[in-house]
Every structure is written in C-alpha cells, then in structure tokens.
Amino acid sequence: MNGPRFGLRLPPIAVDAPPDTIGTIAVACEKAGLASFWLPDRLVGVDGYLRFLGESQVLDPLVGLAYCAAVTSRIQLGTAVLVAPFRHPLALTKAVASLQAVTGDRLVLGVGTGWNRDEFAAIGLDARQRGSRTDETLDVLRGARGHRVFAHRGRHFRFDEVLMGPPVRNSLELWIAGGPNAGTYHQLGPPEFARPVLDRISRAEGWLSRPTTSVTQIRAGRVAITERRKELGTDGGPFTVAHVNWCHLVDGTREQALSQQEAAFAEALGKGTPFEVARQLHWTGSLADVRDRVAQLVDAGVEHIVASPVAPGPEQVELWATGVLEPWGFRPEN
C-alpha cells in the first residue's frame, strides 16, 4: 500500500485476561493487514492518569514482542514507548539484539524518557536525569549497531570494550517519543521543542509524536526537525514521522459513540480527566469523525499512524482496519 502506514498499540490488559491475549491481538492485526503492532512500557501503576494501570497487566514490551514474533510473520513490531532510563544500556542492548534476531528485523524501538516520578523513585533514579540517561542509552545502541565489539564512556555509564553476540543489526530504527509541550489537539502556534528533545529526535530515525501534539505542531515540528537534521548531518538516512493516539472505536452515530466513549475513557483515564479534555486530545466520535482526524494527520505529513484503543479486543482491530482506513485504499489480507 502506498501512502501512510497504519498500526495498533495494545493498551494494558485486564488482570484476568487469557495469557495469550497479546498474541491474539497481534495475529488479528496481521490478518487485518495492519503494518505494525506496538506494546507500551510501565513499571508500576500510576494514580489518577491511566488509573487502570494499577488494575491491569502491562507486560515487559520486549518479552511481549518476542512472543508476538513467534505467532506472526510479517507485521512490524514496536515499543510505544520503551522508557530507556529504566534499564542499563548494556542490558537493553543485549535484549534488543536478541529481539531483532527472533523478529527477523521487524523491530522498531520507540524510545522515551519517561514521566512518572514514582517509577524513578522506586528504582532509585533521579527523574531529573532521565533525559541525559536516555541520550546515553541511545548512544550505546547506536555504537553497538553492526559491531560485535564496542565500548562507551559517558556521564552515567562507562564500560571498556565488550564482545556481544548477536550484535545489534544496522537495520534497527530508533523512533523518539515526545515533542513540543503538551496541549490540546487543536492548539495553535509553533512547537516549543526544548533543544535536547529536538536534538534527540533529529539524531534518530523517527519521531513518535504524543497524543497531545496538535496538527499545527506536527507541521511546524517537521520543519524544525528537517532543519536540525541538516545542521547535525543526519539528514541522509531514513526518517519517519509517526503519531499514536488513544481511541475507543464505535460503529454507530456520533451520539452513540460519544456515550460509550465517555464511559470507556473514564474507566481508562480516571475521572480526573474530563471527557471534554479527552475529546480534544484523543480520537472520539463516530468512525467518520475519527477518519477526519486521521485525514488531518495524513495531510500534515504523518507517515505512520497508530491507534491505541483504551480497551483491547479484535473488534477494535476490525473497526480500525475496515471502518476507518478505507479512504486510503486499505484492504484486509485474505
């Protein structure tokens, strides 16, 4: 299929969900013809925002994707997003190289700095260092690409030459999550990238814009990233602009959809997030309304668009693939 590519991210699953739930959804995505399947990364539950994390299961994404690799054959597998500071970069490099080997080069590593200070406190890390720790982790991953022997000397981590097999393959793409300051979907004005964030994205192979990034910010962000990549000399390689957003797809009228979505988002995000705010930030309304939001992203130059249903299920895969994506010539596989 020419044009944009589409994927689906699995949210946290119910505590009593069958063990093979992630595999079932990954297979459904592949059979539906989606290009990618993604898993999130969390250590512990969070009070308030994403309240359901304390009542659900969030598998380690690298372990979960290894399982998904065994039950699929074509679909791209990614993390959205892996919180880099939670792991020692050498241990992460070994895990990534191993996952590349079992996925057959289908892995895309979406990487972020994290945001929940409780998680950092739980593992004895200063959350104020999450940016610099992420940058060093990315440096280690880049240094290991295509090399069985590599070393690193940095502020947080230092190790002499080590031999690792399998090596990280050159095909590994790093997509960086984040971007301008959080705002509503319809927020106007240029993106306000902090320079370290802009540099982190511009050195990578992709930008995974957060749900709160407006279309206007994405347009301006693409310009800023393009200019910065030229300045850094990283503009010769591949680069993908991607976007992931929460949704609860309903096959019905706008009124029917909003009624069900209000309940679904309240269950997922907690009642501390007013539904009117969720309507601005995330994909709500009828399938046609969601299709319009996707069309705006495509028009803004987003090349890979990922739906993240607040409740998993094969029906959400089907509604995303056949109910929303038809205008882009999307057809499920036979």
Protein backbone atom coordinates (compact mmCIF):
# COMPACT_ATOMS: atom_id res chain seq x y z
CA MET A 1 0.00 0.00 0.00
CA ASN A 2 1.33 3.41 -0.97
CA GLY A 3 0.94 6.41 1.30
CA PRO A 4 0.71 6.30 5.09
CA ARG A 5 1.08 3.13 7.11
CA PHE A 6 -1.20 2.16 9.97
CA GLY A 7 -0.73 0.21 13.18
CA LEU A 8 -2.29 -0.56 16.54
CA ARG A 9 -0.94 -0.32 20.07
CA LEU A 10 -2.23 -2.70 22.71
CA PRO A 11 -3.25 -0.99 25.97
CA PRO A 12 -2.81 -2.60 29.40
CA ILE A 13 -4.93 -5.75 29.53
CA ALA A 14 -7.26 -6.96 32.27
CA VAL A 15 -5.75 -8.90 35.16
CA ASP A 16 -7.93 -11.90 34.34
CA ALA A 17 -7.28 -11.77 30.58
CA PRO A 18 -6.05 -15.01 28.95
CA PRO A 19 -2.23 -15.25 28.83
CA ASP A 20 -2.23 -15.28 25.02
CA THR A 21 -4.25 -12.04 24.68
CA ILE A 22 -1.35 -10.08 23.19
CA GLY A 23 -0.69 -12.83 20.68
CA THR A 24 -4.36 -13.00 19.72
CA ILE A 25 -4.49 -9.25 19.05
CA ALA A 26 -1.15 -9.26 17.21
CA VAL A 27 -2.38 -12.04 14.92
CA ALA A 28 -5.66 -10.16 14.37
CA CYS A 29 -3.69 -7.04 13.37
CA GLU A 30 -1.58 -9.02 10.91
CA LYS A 31 -4.61 -10.73 9.39
CA ALA A 32 -6.36 -7.36 9.09
CA GLY A 33 -3.43 -6.09 7.03
CA LEU A 34 -2.11 -3.54 9.52
CA ALA A 35 1.54 -2.60 9.15
CA SER A 36 2.55 -2.60 12.81
CA PHE A 37 1.75 -3.77 16.34
CA TRP A 38 3.05 -1.95 19.42
CA LEU A 39 3.34 -2.53 23.16
CA PRO A 40 3.68 0.09 25.94
CA ASP A 41 6.15 0.09 28.84
CA ARG A 42 5.33 0.67 32.52
CA LEU A 43 6.95 -0.49 35.75
CA VAL A 44 4.19 0.30 38.25
CA GLY A 45 0.67 1.70 38.26
CA VAL A 46 0.01 5.42 38.36
CA ASP A 47 -2.61 7.17 40.49
CA GLY A 48 -5.04 9.38 38.58
CA TYR A 49 -3.91 9.44 34.97
CA LEU A 50 -4.08 5.99 33.41
CA ARG A 51 -5.67 4.76 36.63
CA PHE A 52 -6.28 1.36 35.11
CA LEU A 53 -2.58 0.51 35.16
CA GLY A 54 -2.93 -0.47 38.80
CA GLU A 55 -5.76 -2.86 37.91
CA SER A 56 -4.30 -4.32 34.72
CA GLN A 57 -1.31 -6.11 33.29
CA VAL A 58 1.47 -4.33 31.42
CA LEU A 59 3.92 -6.93 30.18
CA ASP A 60 7.55 -6.02 29.62
CA PRO A 61 7.35 -4.93 25.97
CA LEU A 62 10.49 -6.74 24.85
CA VAL A 63 9.27 -10.01 26.34
CA GLY A 64 5.79 -9.44 24.93
CA LEU A 65 7.09 -8.68 21.44
CA ALA A 66 9.23 -11.83 21.48
CA TYR A 67 6.03 -13.80 22.00
CA CYS A 68 4.29 -11.84 19.24
CA ALA A 69 7.18 -12.59 16.90
CA ALA A 70 6.55 -16.29 17.37
CA VAL A 71 2.89 -16.09 16.33
CA THR A 72 3.23 -13.60 13.44
CA SER A 73 5.40 -13.49 10.34
CA ARG A 74 5.04 -10.13 8.59
CA ILE A 75 3.80 -7.36 10.84
CA GLN A 76 6.28 -4.81 12.19
CA LEU A 77 6.69 -5.00 15.97
CA GLY A 78 7.46 -1.94 18.08
CA THR A 79 7.62 -0.36 21.52
CA ALA A 80 5.47 2.70 22.11
CA VAL A 81 7.27 3.58 24.08
CA LEU A 82 10.13 1.89 25.88
CA VAL A 83 11.31 4.02 28.81
CA ALA A 84 15.07 3.97 28.30
CA PRO A 85 16.24 5.08 31.79
CA PHE A 86 14.57 2.06 33.43
CA ARG A 87 17.28 -0.25 32.04
CA HIS A 88 21.07 -0.34 32.00
CA PRO A 89 22.01 0.40 28.37
CA LEU A 90 24.22 -2.67 28.03
CA ALA A 91 21.46 -4.99 29.27
CA LEU A 92 18.99 -3.24 26.97
CA THR A 93 21.36 -3.58 24.02
CA LYS A 94 21.59 -7.33 24.62
CA ALA A 95 17.79 -7.62 24.83
CA VAL A 96 17.29 -5.56 21.67
CA ALA A 97 19.85 -7.57 19.70
CA SER A 98 18.18 -10.79 20.83
CA LEU A 99 14.74 -9.48 19.91
CA GLN A 100 16.00 -8.43 16.49
CA ALA A 101 17.23 -11.96 15.95
CA VAL A 102 13.87 -13.57 16.75
CA THR A 103 11.73 -10.97 14.95
CA GLY A 104 13.64 -11.20 11.70
CA ASP A 105 14.39 -7.47 11.59
CA ARG A 106 10.77 -6.47 12.19
CA LEU A 107 11.61 -4.47 15.32
CA VAL A 108 11.20 -0.70 15.67
CA LEU A 109 12.33 0.68 19.01
CA GLY A 110 10.17 3.60 20.09
CA VAL A 111 12.06 5.25 22.96
CA GLY A 112 11.06 7.83 25.55
CA THR A 113 12.45 9.40 28.71
CA GLY A 114 9.52 8.51 30.98
CA TRP A 115 7.43 10.86 33.10
CA ASN A 116 6.22 9.11 36.26
CA ARG A 117 8.45 10.20 39.13
CA ASP A 118 7.12 7.38 41.33
CA GLU A 119 8.62 4.83 38.96
CA PHE A 120 12.00 6.52 39.03
CA ALA A 121 11.90 6.73 42.83
CA ALA A 122 11.02 3.04 43.05
CA ILE A 123 14.25 2.08 41.29
CA GLY A 124 16.40 4.74 42.95
CA LEU A 125 16.87 7.05 39.99
CA ASP A 126 16.70 10.84 39.88
CA ALA A 127 13.91 11.70 37.43
CA ARG A 128 15.75 14.93 36.59
CA GLN A 129 18.42 12.82 34.88
CA ARG A 130 16.02 10.93 32.64
CA GLY A 131 16.90 12.97 29.55
CA SER A 132 20.66 12.57 29.85
CA ARG A 133 20.32 8.88 30.72
CA THR A 134 18.13 8.35 27.67
CA ASP A 135 20.67 10.11 25.45
CA GLU A 136 23.47 7.86 26.71
CA THR A 137 21.37 4.76 26.19
CA LEU A 138 20.71 5.84 22.61
CA ASP A 139 24.45 6.44 22.14
CA VAL A 140 25.18 2.88 23.32
CA LEU A 141 22.56 1.40 20.99
CA ARG A 142 23.95 3.36 18.05
CA GLY A 143 27.51 2.41 18.93
CA ALA A 144 26.54 -1.24 19.03
CA ARG A 145 24.81 -1.25 15.64
CA GLY A 146 26.74 -3.51 13.32
CA HIS A 147 29.55 -4.09 15.84
CA ARG A 148 30.21 -7.16 17.95
CA VAL A 149 32.83 -5.20 19.92
CA PHE A 150 32.12 -1.75 21.33
CA ALA A 151 32.81 0.48 24.34
CA HIS A 152 31.23 3.52 25.98
CA ARG A 153 32.44 6.37 28.15
CA GLY A 154 29.76 8.71 29.40
CA ARG A 155 28.45 10.65 32.36
CA HIS A 156 26.24 7.89 33.74
CA PHE A 157 27.69 4.72 32.21
CA ARG A 158 31.20 3.53 31.39
CA PHE A 159 32.44 0.23 30.13
CA ASP A 160 35.51 -0.90 28.21
CA GLU A 161 35.37 -2.94 25.04
CA VAL A 162 32.83 -5.73 25.26
CA LEU A 163 32.03 -8.54 22.87
CA MET A 164 28.34 -9.13 22.24
CA GLY A 165 26.61 -11.69 20.09
CA PRO A 166 24.28 -11.43 18.41
CA PRO A 167 25.17 -7.84 17.56
CA VAL A 168 22.58 -5.12 17.12
CA ARG A 169 21.81 -5.10 13.42
CA ASN A 170 22.21 -1.99 11.31
CA SER A 171 18.53 -2.24 10.40
CA LEU A 172 17.42 -1.18 13.90
CA GLU A 173 15.39 2.04 13.74
CA LEU A 174 15.10 4.28 16.79
CA TRP A 175 11.96 6.42 16.93
CA ILE A 176 11.89 9.05 19.66
CA ALA A 177 8.70 9.86 21.52
CA GLY A 178 7.95 13.37 22.68
CA GLY A 179 7.98 16.76 21.07
CA PRO A 180 6.58 20.15 21.95
CA ASN A 181 4.93 20.99 25.23
CA ALA A 182 1.66 19.19 25.90
CA GLY A 183 -1.50 20.90 24.71
CA THR A 184 -4.84 20.24 23.14
CA TYR A 185 -5.28 18.64 19.73
CA HIS A 186 -6.40 21.95 18.24
CA GLN A 187 -3.73 24.08 19.89
CA LEU A 188 -2.28 26.66 17.52
CA GLY A 189 1.20 28.10 17.36
CA PRO A 190 4.69 26.73 16.66
CA PRO A 191 6.05 23.73 18.58
CA GLU A 192 8.11 24.61 21.60
CA PHE A 193 10.79 21.95 21.41
CA ALA A 194 13.39 22.01 24.13
CA ARG A 195 16.75 21.84 22.36
CA PRO A 196 17.75 18.49 23.93
CA VAL A 197 14.44 16.99 22.77
CA LEU A 198 14.81 18.38 19.25
CA ASP A 199 18.37 17.03 19.05
CA ARG A 200 17.32 13.63 20.38
CA ILE A 201 14.62 13.31 17.73
CA SER A 202 16.81 14.69 14.94
CA ARG A 203 19.53 12.10 15.58
CA ALA A 204 17.04 9.23 15.35
CA GLU A 205 15.20 7.52 12.51
CA GLY A 206 11.74 8.65 13.53
CA TRP A 207 9.57 10.96 15.61
CA LEU A 208 6.69 9.37 17.51
CA SER A 209 4.57 12.39 18.39
CA ARG A 210 2.50 12.19 21.55
CA PRO A 211 -1.33 12.29 21.56
CA THR A 212 -1.35 15.89 22.76
CA THR A 213 0.63 17.09 19.75
CA SER A 214 -1.64 19.18 17.54
CA VAL A 215 -1.69 19.04 13.75
CA THR A 216 -0.27 22.56 13.69
CA GLN A 217 2.58 21.49 15.95
CA ILE A 218 3.28 18.43 13.81
CA ARG A 219 3.56 20.58 10.69
CA ALA A 220 5.92 23.02 12.36
CA GLY A 221 7.76 20.19 14.10
CA ARG A 222 8.53 18.53 10.78
CA VAL A 223 10.12 21.78 9.59
CA ALA A 224 12.17 22.17 12.78
CA ILE A 225 13.35 18.55 12.67
CA THR A 226 14.26 18.76 8.98
CA GLU A 227 16.34 21.88 9.59
CA ARG A 228 18.05 20.42 12.66
CA ARG A 229 18.86 17.16 10.87
CA LYS A 230 20.61 19.16 8.17
CA GLU A 231 22.61 21.02 10.82
CA LEU A 232 23.58 17.76 12.54
CA GLY A 233 24.36 15.99 9.26
CA THR A 234 21.84 13.23 9.97
CA ASP A 235 19.53 14.04 7.04
CA GLY A 236 20.95 11.37 4.75
CA GLY A 237 19.19 8.45 6.40
CA PRO A 238 15.57 7.33 6.72
CA PHE A 239 13.18 9.25 8.93
CA THR A 240 9.53 8.57 9.75
CA VAL A 241 7.01 10.98 11.28
CA ALA A 242 4.60 8.89 13.34
CA HIS A 243 1.70 9.55 15.68
CA VAL A 244 -0.08 7.40 18.27
CA ASN A 245 -3.37 8.31 19.93
CA TRP A 246 -5.95 6.86 22.28
CA CYS A 247 -9.37 5.88 20.95
CA HIS A 248 -12.44 3.75 21.55
CA LEU A 249 -13.97 2.96 18.19
CA VAL A 250 -17.76 2.60 17.98
CA ASP A 251 -19.81 1.65 14.93
CA GLY A 252 -22.77 3.99 15.43
CA THR A 253 -23.90 7.58 15.33
CA ARG A 254 -21.79 10.32 16.86
CA GLU A 255 -24.13 10.49 19.85
CA GLN A 256 -23.99 6.73 20.39
CA ALA A 257 -20.22 6.75 20.06
CA LEU A 258 -19.68 9.63 22.48
CA SER A 259 -21.87 7.99 25.10
CA GLN A 260 -19.83 4.79 25.00
CA GLN A 261 -16.53 6.65 24.73
CA GLU A 262 -17.22 8.78 27.79
CA ALA A 263 -17.59 5.63 29.88
CA ALA A 264 -14.58 3.94 28.29
CA PHE A 265 -12.27 6.93 28.75
CA ALA A 266 -13.44 7.43 32.34
CA GLU A 267 -12.55 3.81 33.07
CA ALA A 268 -9.16 4.15 31.38
CA LEU A 269 -8.02 7.65 32.28
CA GLY A 270 -9.86 8.14 35.55
CA LYS A 271 -12.48 10.73 36.34
CA GLY A 272 -9.77 13.33 36.94
CA THR A 273 -9.58 13.75 33.16
CA PRO A 274 -12.79 15.48 31.98
CA PHE A 275 -14.28 13.93 28.88
CA GLU A 276 -14.26 17.31 27.14
CA VAL A 277 -10.49 17.31 27.51
CA ALA A 278 -10.30 13.75 26.21
CA ARG A 279 -12.41 14.76 23.21
CA GLN A 280 -9.85 17.42 22.31
CA LEU A 281 -6.79 15.26 22.85
CA HIS A 282 -7.93 11.89 21.57
CA TRP A 283 -9.96 10.31 18.77
CA THR A 284 -13.64 10.33 19.66
CA GLY A 285 -16.99 10.47 17.89
CA SER A 286 -18.20 8.32 15.01
CA LEU A 287 -15.94 6.34 12.72
CA ALA A 288 -16.29 9.19 10.23
CA ASP A 289 -15.11 11.65 12.90
CA VAL A 290 -12.06 9.50 13.61
CA ARG A 291 -11.43 9.20 9.88
CA ASP A 292 -11.39 13.00 9.66
CA ARG A 293 -8.80 13.19 12.44
CA VAL A 294 -6.65 10.65 10.65
CA ALA A 295 -7.01 12.58 7.39
CA GLN A 296 -5.74 15.72 9.13
CA LEU A 297 -2.67 13.82 10.28
CA VAL A 298 -2.02 12.45 6.81
CA ASP A 299 -2.39 15.94 5.36
CA ALA A 300 0.13 17.20 7.93
CA GLY A 301 2.71 14.71 6.68
CA VAL A 302 2.37 11.94 9.26
CA GLU A 303 3.58 8.73 7.64
CA HIS A 304 2.77 6.12 10.29
CA ILE A 305 -0.43 6.39 12.34
CA VAL A 306 -1.09 4.14 15.32
CA ALA A 307 -4.44 3.68 17.03
CA SER A 308 -4.33 2.86 20.74
CA PRO A 309 -7.74 1.56 21.89
CA VAL A 310 -8.34 2.11 25.59
CA ALA A 311 -9.80 -1.41 25.75
CA PRO A 312 -8.29 -4.24 23.70
CA GLY A 313 -10.26 -6.61 21.53
CA PRO A 314 -10.44 -7.99 17.99
CA GLU A 315 -13.47 -5.79 17.31
CA GLN A 316 -11.31 -2.67 17.76
CA VAL A 317 -8.83 -4.07 15.23
CA GLU A 318 -11.66 -4.69 12.76
CA LEU A 319 -13.21 -1.24 13.22
CA TRP A 320 -9.82 0.44 12.80
CA ALA A 321 -8.90 -1.54 9.70
CA THR A 322 -12.22 -1.59 7.86
CA GLY A 323 -14.23 1.20 9.46
CA VAL A 324 -11.66 4.00 9.48
CA LEU A 325 -8.93 3.29 6.93
CA GLU A 326 -10.89 2.55 3.74
CA PRO A 327 -10.21 6.00 2.16
CA TRP A 328 -6.51 5.14 1.95
CA GLY A 329 -7.15 2.04 -0.13
CA PHE A 330 -6.77 -0.18 2.91
CA ARG A 331 -7.84 -3.75 2.36
CA PRO A 332 -7.56 -6.63 4.83
CA GLU A 333 -5.48 -9.62 3.81
CA ASN A 334 -7.32 -12.73 2.65
